[in-house]
Amino acid sequence: MKTMQAARIILLLLCAWGFLPGCGDSEPVKKVDLSERQEIKVYKPERGITYAYLPQYAHTVSYKRHHLVMEYLTRTTGLKVQQVFPDTFDEHMHMVGRGLIDITFSNPFIYVKIAERYGAQAFARVVEAVGKENFRGQIICRADNQKIRTLADLKGKRFIAVDPTSAGGYLYPWSLILEHGLRKEDFSEIAFAPGPGGKQEKVVMGVYSGKYDAGTIREGTLDILKHKIDLKQIRVLATTPWYPGWVYAARKGLDPALVEKIKQALLALNINNPAQKPILEQAGFVAIIPAQDRDFDPVRRLAALVESEAAAKGDLKKKRD
């Protein structure tokens, strides 16, 4: 029995030995010189020019409006232009400051903030479909709200605005409200549209649903919602004066030659050119014209008015406390 077991063990060892190639005397020994090293280059994809539309509407609307502009700029400048989608107005500003947005398309109130904080520089602004290089804000309420007929009737009401940094959706109409003698403490509630993107729509829906008595939006917003709600249920209570419109600006440090190339491509867009007309119409533009920083001084004056009102309210609160 022991003899058979020993034989099996010897047989297994012989089989295993047969599966060990390269261990014979005929296999040459290879020497590896560890002193010789080769650097491996890591491929880094070329970063394109980032372009962002301030998220006043949902991201799907932002894309639909501007993707043809992206394609046009890429085609005509030879630059890789890609659209990015910040979720909020604040995120948009911070991304400009961090160099993550090269070309920003924003309302003028945001522009004066990023110009002051981060050195952004305006180079063009748009002429919108109404044929104006300026635009306006609106104050809306439900059409069947018989308690609101004038701005004075807003006293004691629930109020919603787009965002504290929205021009048409807050700054322009709020300055009109201030001019009519109302202050924040005169309202029972003041809210701003929640969540990322689509804030203009959210104001309209807040008023439409009756959750708020009145709200502020930029002119043109109601047209975007005409297929979603019955616009006859919404009444425009007041419209602001005209102020500088939306602006293209470049972040600080962006190569001036690239900015000029993009600027000239945008200025060349012509609504009478059949190939370019869809690009402008999709974006809601009639034309794009040159702009300078000083074009937005009226916005700076309005911002100072609103900020002084907020400061005065803060001082009053401190005295009461």
C-alpha atoms as a PDB file:
ATOM      1  CA  MET A   1       0.000   0.000   0.000  1.00  0.00           C
ATOM      2  CA  LYS A   2       2.790   2.329   0.980  1.00  0.00           C
ATOM      3  CA  THR A   3       4.661   1.399  -2.204  1.00  0.00           C
ATOM      4  CA  MET A   4       1.637   2.398  -4.349  1.00  0.00           C
ATOM      5  CA  GLN A   5       1.253   5.754  -2.567  1.00  0.00           C
ATOM      6  CA  ALA A   6       4.935   6.518  -3.068  1.00  0.00           C
ATOM      7  CA  ALA A   7       4.647   5.688  -6.749  1.00  0.00           C
ATOM      8  CA  ARG A   8       1.688   8.058  -7.155  1.00  0.00           C
ATOM      9  CA  ILE A   9       3.598  10.872  -5.458  1.00  0.00           C
ATOM     10  CA  ILE A  10       6.625  10.356  -7.711  1.00  0.00           C
ATOM     11  CA  LEU A  11       4.308  10.352 -10.782  1.00  0.00           C
ATOM     12  CA  LEU A  12       2.672  13.636  -9.742  1.00  0.00           C
ATOM     13  CA  LEU A  13       6.048  15.272  -9.205  1.00  0.00           C
ATOM     14  CA  LEU A  14       7.215  14.178 -12.641  1.00  0.00           C
ATOM     15  CA  CYS A  15       4.028  15.630 -14.234  1.00  0.00           C
ATOM     16  CA  ALA A  16       4.450  18.923 -12.405  1.00  0.00           C
ATOM     17  CA  TRP A  17       8.051  19.124 -13.545  1.00  0.00           C
ATOM     18  CA  GLY A  18       6.868  18.876 -17.103  1.00  0.00           C
ATOM     19  CA  PHE A  19       4.774  22.038 -16.728  1.00  0.00           C
ATOM     20  CA  LEU A  20       7.681  24.227 -15.659  1.00  0.00           C
ATOM     21  CA  PRO A  21       9.035  25.674 -18.936  1.00  0.00           C
ATOM     22  CA  GLY A  22      11.937  28.034 -19.120  1.00  0.00           C
ATOM     23  CA  CYS A  23      13.766  26.557 -16.144  1.00  0.00           C
ATOM     24  CA  GLY A  24      16.248  24.546 -18.129  1.00  0.00           C
ATOM     25  CA  ASP A  25      19.912  25.387 -18.731  1.00  0.00           C
ATOM     26  CA  SER A  26      19.143  26.394 -22.339  1.00  0.00           C
ATOM     27  CA  GLU A  27      17.074  29.500 -21.363  1.00  0.00           C
ATOM     28  CA  PRO A  28      19.328  32.658 -21.425  1.00  0.00           C
ATOM     29  CA  VAL A  29      19.238  34.992 -18.448  1.00  0.00           C
ATOM     30  CA  LYS A  30      17.936  38.483 -19.276  1.00  0.00           C
ATOM     31  CA  LYS A  31      19.363  41.443 -17.403  1.00  0.00           C
ATOM     32  CA  VAL A  32      17.138  44.505 -16.760  1.00  0.00           C
ATOM     33  CA  ASP A  33      18.843  47.875 -16.435  1.00  0.00           C
ATOM     34  CA  LEU A  34      16.744  49.749 -13.895  1.00  0.00           C
ATOM     35  CA  SER A  35      18.800  52.924 -14.390  1.00  0.00           C
ATOM     36  CA  GLU A  36      17.130  53.528 -17.754  1.00  0.00           C
ATOM     37  CA  ARG A  37      13.699  55.138 -17.352  1.00  0.00           C
ATOM     38  CA  GLN A  38      11.217  56.596 -19.815  1.00  0.00           C
ATOM     39  CA  GLU A  39       8.645  59.246 -18.879  1.00  0.00           C
ATOM     40  CA  ILE A  40       5.120  58.309 -19.914  1.00  0.00           C
ATOM     41  CA  LYS A  41       3.136  61.293 -21.148  1.00  0.00           C
ATOM     42  CA  VAL A  42      -0.406  61.510 -19.847  1.00  0.00           C
ATOM     43  CA  TYR A  43      -2.840  62.697 -22.510  1.00  0.00           C
ATOM     44  CA  LYS A  44      -4.815  65.719 -21.449  1.00  0.00           C
ATOM     45  CA  PRO A  45      -7.743  66.642 -23.700  1.00  0.00           C
ATOM     46  CA  GLU A  46      -7.649  70.210 -24.939  1.00  0.00           C
ATOM     47  CA  ARG A  47      -9.987  72.416 -22.905  1.00  0.00           C
ATOM     48  CA  GLY A  48     -12.426  74.291 -25.064  1.00  0.00           C
ATOM     49  CA  ILE A  49     -13.912  77.758 -24.596  1.00  0.00           C
ATOM     50  CA  THR A  50     -16.708  77.474 -22.038  1.00  0.00           C
ATOM     51  CA  TYR A  51     -19.885  79.452 -22.579  1.00  0.00           C
ATOM     52  CA  ALA A  52     -22.718  79.803 -20.089  1.00  0.00           C
ATOM     53  CA  TYR A  53     -26.186  81.306 -20.285  1.00  0.00           C
ATOM     54  CA  LEU A  54     -27.267  82.634 -16.885  1.00  0.00           C
ATOM     55  CA  PRO A  55     -29.848  80.059 -15.677  1.00  0.00           C
ATOM     56  CA  GLN A  56     -32.956  82.229 -15.680  1.00  0.00           C
ATOM     57  CA  TYR A  57     -34.820  79.378 -17.362  1.00  0.00           C
ATOM     58  CA  ALA A  58     -34.558  75.580 -17.132  1.00  0.00           C
ATOM     59  CA  HIS A  59     -31.393  74.006 -18.574  1.00  0.00           C
ATOM     60  CA  THR A  60     -33.389  72.493 -21.424  1.00  0.00           C
ATOM     61  CA  VAL A  61     -34.532  75.982 -22.436  1.00  0.00           C
ATOM     62  CA  SER A  62     -30.980  77.343 -22.134  1.00  0.00           C
ATOM     63  CA  TYR A  63     -29.686  74.569 -24.381  1.00  0.00           C
ATOM     64  CA  LYS A  64     -32.484  74.938 -26.912  1.00  0.00           C
ATOM     65  CA  ARG A  65     -31.928  78.667 -27.165  1.00  0.00           C
ATOM     66  CA  HIS A  66     -28.141  78.660 -27.471  1.00  0.00           C
ATOM     67  CA  HIS A  67     -26.880  75.376 -28.915  1.00  0.00           C
ATOM     68  CA  LEU A  68     -27.016  76.812 -32.452  1.00  0.00           C
ATOM     69  CA  VAL A  69     -24.889  79.738 -31.257  1.00  0.00           C
ATOM     70  CA  MET A  70     -22.331  77.211 -29.923  1.00  0.00           C
ATOM     71  CA  GLU A  71     -22.249  75.351 -33.213  1.00  0.00           C
ATOM     72  CA  TYR A  72     -21.895  78.601 -35.151  1.00  0.00           C
ATOM     73  CA  LEU A  73     -19.009  79.869 -33.000  1.00  0.00           C
ATOM     74  CA  THR A  74     -17.177  76.546 -33.233  1.00  0.00           C
ATOM     75  CA  ARG A  75     -17.643  76.472 -36.989  1.00  0.00           C
ATOM     76  CA  THR A  76     -16.632  80.068 -37.709  1.00  0.00           C
ATOM     77  CA  THR A  77     -13.825  80.618 -35.181  1.00  0.00           C
ATOM     78  CA  GLY A  78     -12.218  77.196 -35.253  1.00  0.00           C
ATOM     79  CA  LEU A  79     -12.404  77.167 -31.449  1.00  0.00           C
ATOM     80  CA  LYS A  80     -14.032  74.375 -29.500  1.00  0.00           C
ATOM     81  CA  VAL A  81     -16.898  76.254 -27.813  1.00  0.00           C
ATOM     82  CA  GLN A  82     -18.966  74.257 -25.349  1.00  0.00           C
ATOM     83  CA  GLN A  83     -21.952  75.268 -23.268  1.00  0.00           C
ATOM     84  CA  VAL A  84     -21.889  74.663 -19.518  1.00  0.00           C
ATOM     85  CA  PHE A  85     -24.890  74.828 -17.209  1.00  0.00           C
ATOM     86  CA  PRO A  86     -24.600  76.442 -13.765  1.00  0.00           C
ATOM     87  CA  ASP A  87     -27.591  75.664 -11.548  1.00  0.00           C
ATOM     88  CA  THR A  88     -27.969  79.078  -9.908  1.00  0.00           C
ATOM     89  CA  PHE A  89     -27.111  82.723 -10.448  1.00  0.00           C
ATOM     90  CA  ASP A  90     -24.554  82.560  -7.614  1.00  0.00           C
ATOM     91  CA  GLU A  91     -22.925  79.459  -9.074  1.00  0.00           C
ATOM     92  CA  HIS A  92     -22.707  81.201 -12.440  1.00  0.00           C
ATOM     93  CA  MET A  93     -20.863  84.151 -10.851  1.00  0.00           C
ATOM     94  CA  HIS A  94     -18.516  81.921  -8.848  1.00  0.00           C
ATOM     95  CA  MET A  95     -17.646  79.872 -11.941  1.00  0.00           C
ATOM     96  CA  VAL A  96     -16.677  83.068 -13.769  1.00  0.00           C
ATOM     97  CA  GLY A  97     -14.490  84.025 -10.808  1.00  0.00           C
ATOM     98  CA  ARG A  98     -12.797  80.598 -10.806  1.00  0.00           C
ATOM     99  CA  GLY A  99     -12.143  80.711 -14.544  1.00  0.00           C
ATOM    100  CA  LEU A 100     -14.599  77.898 -15.305  1.00  0.00           C
ATOM    101  CA  ILE A 101     -16.737  80.103 -17.548  1.00  0.00           C
ATOM    102  CA  ASP A 102     -14.839  81.917 -20.293  1.00  0.00           C
ATOM    103  CA  ILE A 103     -17.738  83.645 -22.034  1.00  0.00           C
ATOM    104  CA  THR A 104     -20.766  84.590 -19.965  1.00  0.00           C
ATOM    105  CA  PHE A 105     -24.146  85.651 -21.293  1.00  0.00           C
ATOM    106  CA  SER A 106     -25.969  87.278 -18.409  1.00  0.00           C
ATOM    107  CA  ASN A 107     -28.335  89.964 -17.322  1.00  0.00           C
ATOM    108  CA  PRO A 108     -26.725  93.375 -16.704  1.00  0.00           C
ATOM    109  CA  PHE A 109     -27.125  93.171 -12.920  1.00  0.00           C
ATOM    110  CA  ILE A 110     -25.049  89.983 -12.814  1.00  0.00           C
ATOM    111  CA  TYR A 111     -22.579  91.587 -15.207  1.00  0.00           C
ATOM    112  CA  VAL A 112     -21.871  94.605 -12.997  1.00  0.00           C
ATOM    113  CA  LYS A 113     -21.295  92.199 -10.088  1.00  0.00           C
ATOM    114  CA  ILE A 114     -18.832  89.942 -11.919  1.00  0.00           C
ATOM    115  CA  ALA A 115     -17.118  92.987 -13.405  1.00  0.00           C
ATOM    116  CA  GLU A 116     -16.579  94.438  -9.937  1.00  0.00           C
ATOM    117  CA  ARG A 117     -15.721  91.184  -8.160  1.00  0.00           C
ATOM    118  CA  TYR A 118     -13.829  89.240 -10.803  1.00  0.00           C
ATOM    119  CA  GLY A 119     -12.784  91.676 -13.524  1.00  0.00           C
ATOM    120  CA  ALA A 120     -15.112  90.387 -16.257  1.00  0.00           C
ATOM    121  CA  GLN A 121     -15.288  92.674 -19.278  1.00  0.00           C
ATOM    122  CA  ALA A 122     -18.315  93.341 -21.502  1.00  0.00           C
ATOM    123  CA  PHE A 123     -17.744  93.132 -25.250  1.00  0.00           C
ATOM    124  CA  ALA A 124     -21.217  92.743 -26.817  1.00  0.00           C
ATOM    125  CA  ARG A 125     -24.904  92.909 -26.016  1.00  0.00           C
ATOM    126  CA  VAL A 126     -27.990  91.663 -27.776  1.00  0.00           C
ATOM    127  CA  VAL A 127     -30.890  93.265 -29.570  1.00  0.00           C
ATOM    128  CA  GLU A 128     -33.884  91.153 -28.649  1.00  0.00           C
ATOM    129  CA  ALA A 129     -36.854  90.115 -30.749  1.00  0.00           C
ATOM    130  CA  VAL A 130     -38.791  93.253 -29.833  1.00  0.00           C
ATOM    131  CA  GLY A 131     -36.117  95.240 -31.668  1.00  0.00           C
ATOM    132  CA  LYS A 132     -34.542  96.806 -28.589  1.00  0.00           C
ATOM    133  CA  GLU A 133     -31.038  96.588 -27.202  1.00  0.00           C
ATOM    134  CA  ASN A 134     -32.641  97.268 -23.820  1.00  0.00           C
ATOM    135  CA  PHE A 135     -35.259  95.296 -21.912  1.00  0.00           C
ATOM    136  CA  ARG A 136     -37.798  95.683 -19.119  1.00  0.00           C
ATOM    137  CA  GLY A 137     -39.200  93.983 -16.064  1.00  0.00           C
ATOM    138  CA  GLN A 138     -42.842  93.312 -15.271  1.00  0.00           C
ATOM    139  CA  ILE A 139     -44.955  93.009 -12.135  1.00  0.00           C
ATOM    140  CA  ILE A 140     -47.704  90.431 -12.528  1.00  0.00           C
ATOM    141  CA  CYS A 141     -50.744  89.212 -10.603  1.00  0.00           C
ATOM    142  CA  ARG A 142     -53.695  86.956 -11.335  1.00  0.00           C
ATOM    143  CA  ALA A 143     -56.224  88.519 -13.680  1.00  0.00           C
ATOM    144  CA  ASP A 144     -59.085  87.667 -11.334  1.00  0.00           C
ATOM    145  CA  ASN A 145     -57.466  89.274  -8.280  1.00  0.00           C
ATOM    146  CA  GLN A 146     -59.761  92.251  -7.719  1.00  0.00           C
ATOM    147  CA  LYS A 147     -57.804  93.433  -4.673  1.00  0.00           C
ATOM    148  CA  ILE A 148     -54.788  94.445  -6.773  1.00  0.00           C
ATOM    149  CA  ARG A 149     -55.316  97.259  -9.256  1.00  0.00           C
ATOM    150  CA  THR A 150     -52.301  99.519  -8.654  1.00  0.00           C
ATOM    151  CA  LEU A 151     -48.828  99.156  -7.185  1.00  0.00           C
ATOM    152  CA  ALA A 152     -50.116 100.673  -3.943  1.00  0.00           C
ATOM    153  CA  ASP A 153     -52.438  97.664  -3.611  1.00  0.00           C
ATOM    154  CA  LEU A 154     -49.404  95.400  -3.166  1.00  0.00           C
ATOM    155  CA  LYS A 155     -49.143  96.510   0.448  1.00  0.00           C
ATOM    156  CA  GLY A 156     -49.702  93.562   2.760  1.00  0.00           C
ATOM    157  CA  LYS A 157     -49.543  91.043  -0.079  1.00  0.00           C
ATOM    158  CA  ARG A 158     -47.467  87.901  -0.665  1.00  0.00           C
ATOM    159  CA  PHE A 159     -44.756  88.624  -3.202  1.00  0.00           C
ATOM    160  CA  ILE A 160     -42.272  86.487  -5.188  1.00  0.00           C
ATOM    161  CA  ALA A 161     -39.298  87.541  -7.331  1.00  0.00           C
ATOM    162  CA  VAL A 162     -36.891  85.606  -9.511  1.00  0.00           C
ATOM    163  CA  ASP A 163     -33.619  86.086  -7.635  1.00  0.00           C
ATOM    164  CA  PRO A 164     -31.920  88.903  -5.690  1.00  0.00           C
ATOM    165  CA  THR A 165     -29.469  89.216  -8.600  1.00  0.00           C
ATOM    166  CA  SER A 166     -32.052  89.127 -11.390  1.00  0.00           C
ATOM    167  CA  ALA A 167     -32.330  92.350 -13.397  1.00  0.00           C
ATOM    168  CA  GLY A 168     -35.716  92.059 -15.111  1.00  0.00           C
ATOM    169  CA  GLY A 169     -36.998  89.641 -12.483  1.00  0.00           C
ATOM    170  CA  TYR A 170     -36.115  91.760  -9.463  1.00  0.00           C
ATOM    171  CA  LEU A 171     -33.868  94.848  -9.733  1.00  0.00           C
ATOM    172  CA  TYR A 172     -35.815  96.746 -12.391  1.00  0.00           C
ATOM    173  CA  PRO A 173     -39.337  96.127 -11.030  1.00  0.00           C
ATOM    174  CA  TRP A 174     -38.270  96.426  -7.390  1.00  0.00           C
ATOM    175  CA  SER A 175     -36.812  99.869  -8.046  1.00  0.00           C
ATOM    176  CA  LEU A 176     -40.183 100.810  -9.562  1.00  0.00           C
ATOM    177  CA  ILE A 177     -41.906  99.578  -6.407  1.00  0.00           C
ATOM    178  CA  LEU A 178     -39.520 101.645  -4.276  1.00  0.00           C
ATOM    179  CA  GLU A 179     -40.303 104.714  -6.376  1.00  0.00           C
ATOM    180  CA  HIS A 180     -43.981 104.214  -5.493  1.00  0.00           C
ATOM    181  CA  GLY A 181     -43.208 104.394  -1.791  1.00  0.00           C
ATOM    182  CA  LEU A 182     -43.396 100.733  -0.825  1.00  0.00           C
ATOM    183  CA  ARG A 183     -40.683  98.996   1.195  1.00  0.00           C
ATOM    184  CA  LYS A 184     -39.970  95.369   2.091  1.00  0.00           C
ATOM    185  CA  GLU A 185     -41.681  95.677   5.442  1.00  0.00           C
ATOM    186  CA  ASP A 186     -44.910  96.629   3.646  1.00  0.00           C
ATOM    187  CA  PHE A 187     -45.314  93.074   2.293  1.00  0.00           C
ATOM    188  CA  SER A 188     -46.651  90.135   4.281  1.00  0.00           C
ATOM    189  CA  GLU A 189     -44.118  87.866   2.547  1.00  0.00           C
ATOM    190  CA  ILE A 190     -41.275  88.276   0.074  1.00  0.00           C
ATOM    191  CA  ALA A 191     -39.852  85.118  -1.474  1.00  0.00           C
ATOM    192  CA  PHE A 192     -37.425  84.240  -4.248  1.00  0.00           C
ATOM    193  CA  ALA A 193     -37.941  81.395  -6.688  1.00  0.00           C
ATOM    194  CA  PRO A 194     -36.441  78.202  -5.234  1.00  0.00           C
ATOM    195  CA  GLY A 195     -34.126  75.617  -6.714  1.00  0.00           C
ATOM    196  CA  PRO A 196     -31.812  75.572  -9.734  1.00  0.00           C
ATOM    197  CA  GLY A 197     -32.785  77.022 -13.113  1.00  0.00           C
ATOM    198  CA  GLY A 198     -36.235  77.875 -14.396  1.00  0.00           C
ATOM    199  CA  LYS A 199     -36.736  80.676 -11.895  1.00  0.00           C
ATOM    200  CA  GLN A 200     -38.704  82.940 -14.217  1.00  0.00           C
ATOM    201  CA  GLU A 201     -41.203  80.160 -14.846  1.00  0.00           C
ATOM    202  CA  LYS A 202     -41.446  79.430 -11.129  1.00  0.00           C
ATOM    203  CA  VAL A 203     -42.488  83.015 -10.399  1.00  0.00           C
ATOM    204  CA  VAL A 204     -45.246  82.840 -12.993  1.00  0.00           C
ATOM    205  CA  MET A 205     -46.433  79.476 -11.691  1.00  0.00           C
ATOM    206  CA  GLY A 206     -46.373  80.775  -8.114  1.00  0.00           C
ATOM    207  CA  VAL A 207     -48.706  83.613  -9.060  1.00  0.00           C
ATOM    208  CA  TYR A 208     -50.792  81.455 -11.395  1.00  0.00           C
ATOM    209  CA  SER A 209     -51.405  78.885  -8.636  1.00  0.00           C
ATOM    210  CA  GLY A 210     -52.411  81.590  -6.155  1.00  0.00           C
ATOM    211  CA  LYS A 211     -49.583  80.820  -3.734  1.00  0.00           C
ATOM    212  CA  TYR A 212     -48.384  84.418  -4.192  1.00  0.00           C
ATOM    213  CA  ASP A 213     -50.425  87.537  -4.908  1.00  0.00           C
ATOM    214  CA  ALA A 214     -47.853  89.162  -7.188  1.00  0.00           C
ATOM    215  CA  GLY A 215     -44.440  88.558  -8.703  1.00  0.00           C
ATOM    216  CA  THR A 216     -41.714  90.119 -10.823  1.00  0.00           C
ATOM    217  CA  ILE A 217     -40.400  88.712 -14.104  1.00  0.00           C
ATOM    218  CA  ARG A 218     -38.549  89.951 -17.138  1.00  0.00           C
ATOM    219  CA  GLU A 219     -40.617  90.930 -20.144  1.00  0.00           C
ATOM    220  CA  GLY A 220     -40.875  88.018 -22.564  1.00  0.00           C
ATOM    221  CA  THR A 221     -41.222  85.302 -19.939  1.00  0.00           C
ATOM    222  CA  LEU A 222     -44.967  84.946 -20.427  1.00  0.00           C
ATOM    223  CA  ASP A 223     -44.470  84.140 -24.101  1.00  0.00           C
ATOM    224  CA  ILE A 224     -42.292  81.172 -23.141  1.00  0.00           C
ATOM    225  CA  LEU A 225     -45.119  79.764 -21.000  1.00  0.00           C
ATOM    226  CA  LYS A 226     -47.946  80.341 -23.461  1.00  0.00           C
ATOM    227  CA  HIS A 227     -48.167  76.602 -24.227  1.00  0.00           C
ATOM    228  CA  LYS A 228     -48.146  75.599 -20.547  1.00  0.00           C
ATOM    229  CA  ILE A 229     -50.706  77.896 -18.933  1.00  0.00           C
ATOM    230  CA  ASP A 230     -53.682  80.047 -19.844  1.00  0.00           C
ATOM    231  CA  LEU A 231     -52.068  83.475 -20.096  1.00  0.00           C
ATOM    232  CA  LYS A 232     -55.484  85.094 -19.794  1.00  0.00           C
ATOM    233  CA  GLN A 233     -55.268  84.237 -16.102  1.00  0.00           C
ATOM    234  CA  ILE A 234     -52.214  86.507 -15.691  1.00  0.00           C
ATOM    235  CA  ARG A 235     -52.361  90.304 -15.683  1.00  0.00           C
ATOM    236  CA  VAL A 236     -49.368  92.624 -16.080  1.00  0.00           C
ATOM    237  CA  LEU A 237     -49.816  95.146 -13.312  1.00  0.00           C
ATOM    238  CA  ALA A 238     -46.876  97.360 -14.289  1.00  0.00           C
ATOM    239  CA  THR A 239     -43.929  97.467 -16.679  1.00  0.00           C
ATOM    240  CA  THR A 240     -40.631  99.149 -15.867  1.00  0.00           C
ATOM    241  CA  PRO A 241     -38.725 101.656 -18.012  1.00  0.00           C
ATOM    242  CA  TRP A 242     -36.171 100.296 -20.476  1.00  0.00           C
ATOM    243  CA  TYR A 243     -32.706  99.445 -19.161  1.00  0.00           C
ATOM    244  CA  PRO A 244     -29.554  97.967 -20.746  1.00  0.00           C
ATOM    245  CA  GLY A 245     -30.097  94.479 -22.060  1.00  0.00           C
ATOM    246  CA  TRP A 246     -28.299  91.180 -21.732  1.00  0.00           C
ATOM    247  CA  VAL A 247     -24.569  91.229 -22.188  1.00  0.00           C
ATOM    248  CA  TYR A 248     -21.703  89.061 -23.387  1.00  0.00           C
ATOM    249  CA  ALA A 249     -18.605  89.332 -21.217  1.00  0.00           C
ATOM    250  CA  ALA A 250     -15.235  87.591 -21.058  1.00  0.00           C
ATOM    251  CA  ARG A 251     -13.646  86.424 -17.840  1.00  0.00           C
ATOM    252  CA  LYS A 252     -10.520  88.140 -16.605  1.00  0.00           C
ATOM    253  CA  GLY A 253      -7.373  86.701 -18.161  1.00  0.00           C
ATOM    254  CA  LEU A 254      -8.966  85.231 -21.274  1.00  0.00           C
ATOM    255  CA  ASP A 255      -6.702  85.779 -24.291  1.00  0.00           C
ATOM    256  CA  PRO A 256      -7.833  89.086 -25.916  1.00  0.00           C
ATOM    257  CA  ALA A 257      -7.243  87.573 -29.371  1.00  0.00           C
ATOM    258  CA  LEU A 258      -9.750  84.818 -28.603  1.00  0.00           C
ATOM    259  CA  VAL A 259     -12.244  87.335 -27.224  1.00  0.00           C
ATOM    260  CA  GLU A 260     -11.938  89.436 -30.362  1.00  0.00           C
ATOM    261  CA  LYS A 261     -12.425  86.390 -32.584  1.00  0.00           C
ATOM    262  CA  ILE A 262     -15.601  85.435 -30.726  1.00  0.00           C
ATOM    263  CA  LYS A 263     -16.827  89.023 -30.676  1.00  0.00           C
ATOM    264  CA  GLN A 264     -16.429  89.482 -34.416  1.00  0.00           C
ATOM    265  CA  ALA A 265     -18.210  86.188 -35.095  1.00  0.00           C
ATOM    266  CA  LEU A 266     -21.161  87.234 -32.929  1.00  0.00           C
ATOM    267  CA  LEU A 267     -21.351  90.722 -34.447  1.00  0.00           C
ATOM    268  CA  ALA A 268     -21.372  89.179 -37.936  1.00  0.00           C
ATOM    269  CA  LEU A 269     -24.648  87.339 -37.316  1.00  0.00           C
ATOM    270  CA  ASN A 270     -27.259  88.805 -39.651  1.00  0.00           C
ATOM    271  CA  ILE A 271     -30.998  88.165 -39.354  1.00  0.00           C
ATOM    272  CA  ASN A 272     -31.311  88.751 -43.130  1.00  0.00           C
ATOM    273  CA  ASN A 273     -28.906  85.906 -43.883  1.00  0.00           C
ATOM    274  CA  PRO A 274     -31.035  82.763 -44.429  1.00  0.00           C
ATOM    275  CA  ALA A 275     -28.306  80.539 -42.968  1.00  0.00           C
ATOM    276  CA  GLN A 276     -27.942  82.671 -39.842  1.00  0.00           C
ATOM    277  CA  LYS A 277     -31.545  83.652 -39.245  1.00  0.00           C
ATOM    278  CA  PRO A 278     -32.427  80.397 -37.387  1.00  0.00           C
ATOM    279  CA  ILE A 279     -29.457  80.902 -35.039  1.00  0.00           C
ATOM    280  CA  LEU A 280     -30.652  84.337 -33.971  1.00  0.00           C
ATOM    281  CA  GLU A 281     -34.343  83.434 -33.876  1.00  0.00           C
ATOM    282  CA  GLN A 282     -33.713  80.371 -31.712  1.00  0.00           C
ATOM    283  CA  ALA A 283     -31.789  82.518 -29.227  1.00  0.00           C
ATOM    284  CA  GLY A 284     -34.438  85.252 -29.262  1.00  0.00           C
ATOM    285  CA  PHE A 285     -32.117  87.846 -30.821  1.00  0.00           C
ATOM    286  CA  VAL A 286     -32.473  90.216 -33.734  1.00  0.00           C
ATOM    287  CA  ALA A 287     -28.812  91.259 -33.689  1.00  0.00           C
ATOM    288  CA  ILE A 288     -25.705  91.443 -31.528  1.00  0.00           C
ATOM    289  CA  ILE A 289     -23.998  94.825 -31.130  1.00  0.00           C
ATOM    290  CA  PRO A 290     -20.767  96.054 -29.489  1.00  0.00           C
ATOM    291  CA  ALA A 291     -20.813  96.938 -25.785  1.00  0.00           C
ATOM    292  CA  GLN A 292     -18.606  98.683 -23.261  1.00  0.00           C
ATOM    293  CA  ASP A 293     -18.536  98.569 -19.497  1.00  0.00           C
ATOM    294  CA  ARG A 294     -19.895 102.113 -19.154  1.00  0.00           C
ATOM    295  CA  ASP A 295     -23.097 101.078 -20.967  1.00  0.00           C
ATOM    296  CA  PHE A 296     -24.170  99.518 -17.678  1.00  0.00           C
ATOM    297  CA  ASP A 297     -23.728 102.517 -15.393  1.00  0.00           C
ATOM    298  CA  PRO A 298     -27.548 102.964 -15.150  1.00  0.00           C
ATOM    299  CA  VAL A 299     -27.735  99.450 -13.721  1.00  0.00           C
ATOM    300  CA  ARG A 300     -25.070 100.333 -11.156  1.00  0.00           C
ATOM    301  CA  ARG A 301     -27.164 103.323 -10.053  1.00  0.00           C
ATOM    302  CA  LEU A 302     -30.262 101.125  -9.629  1.00  0.00           C
ATOM    303  CA  ALA A 303     -28.247  98.566  -7.682  1.00  0.00           C
ATOM    304  CA  ALA A 304     -27.022 101.327  -5.377  1.00  0.00           C
ATOM    305  CA  LEU A 305     -30.650 102.426  -4.808  1.00  0.00           C
ATOM    306  CA  VAL A 306     -31.753  98.923  -3.851  1.00  0.00           C
ATOM    307  CA  GLU A 307     -28.698  98.365  -1.660  1.00  0.00           C
ATOM    308  CA  SER A 308     -29.243 101.668   0.157  1.00  0.00           C
ATOM    309  CA  GLU A 309     -32.837 100.619   0.879  1.00  0.00           C
ATOM    310  CA  ALA A 310     -31.594  97.331   2.301  1.00  0.00           C
ATOM    311  CA  ALA A 311     -28.978  99.126   4.397  1.00  0.00           C
ATOM    312  CA  ALA A 312     -31.566 101.565   5.726  1.00  0.00           C
ATOM    313  CA  LYS A 313     -33.784  98.660   6.745  1.00  0.00           C
ATOM    314  CA  GLY A 314     -30.837  97.047   8.516  1.00  0.00           C
ATOM    315  CA  ASP A 315     -30.072 100.250  10.426  1.00  0.00           C
ATOM    316  CA  LEU A 316     -33.725 100.573  11.432  1.00  0.00           C
ATOM    317  CA  LYS A 317     -33.749  96.993  12.712  1.00  0.00           C
ATOM    318  CA  LYS A 318     -30.609  97.641  14.784  1.00  0.00           C
ATOM    319  CA  LYS A 319     -32.239 100.702  16.386  1.00  0.00           C
ATOM    320  CA  ARG A 320     -35.353  98.702  17.224  1.00  0.00           C
ATOM    321  CA  ASP A 321     -33.268  95.895  18.695  1.00  0.00           C
END
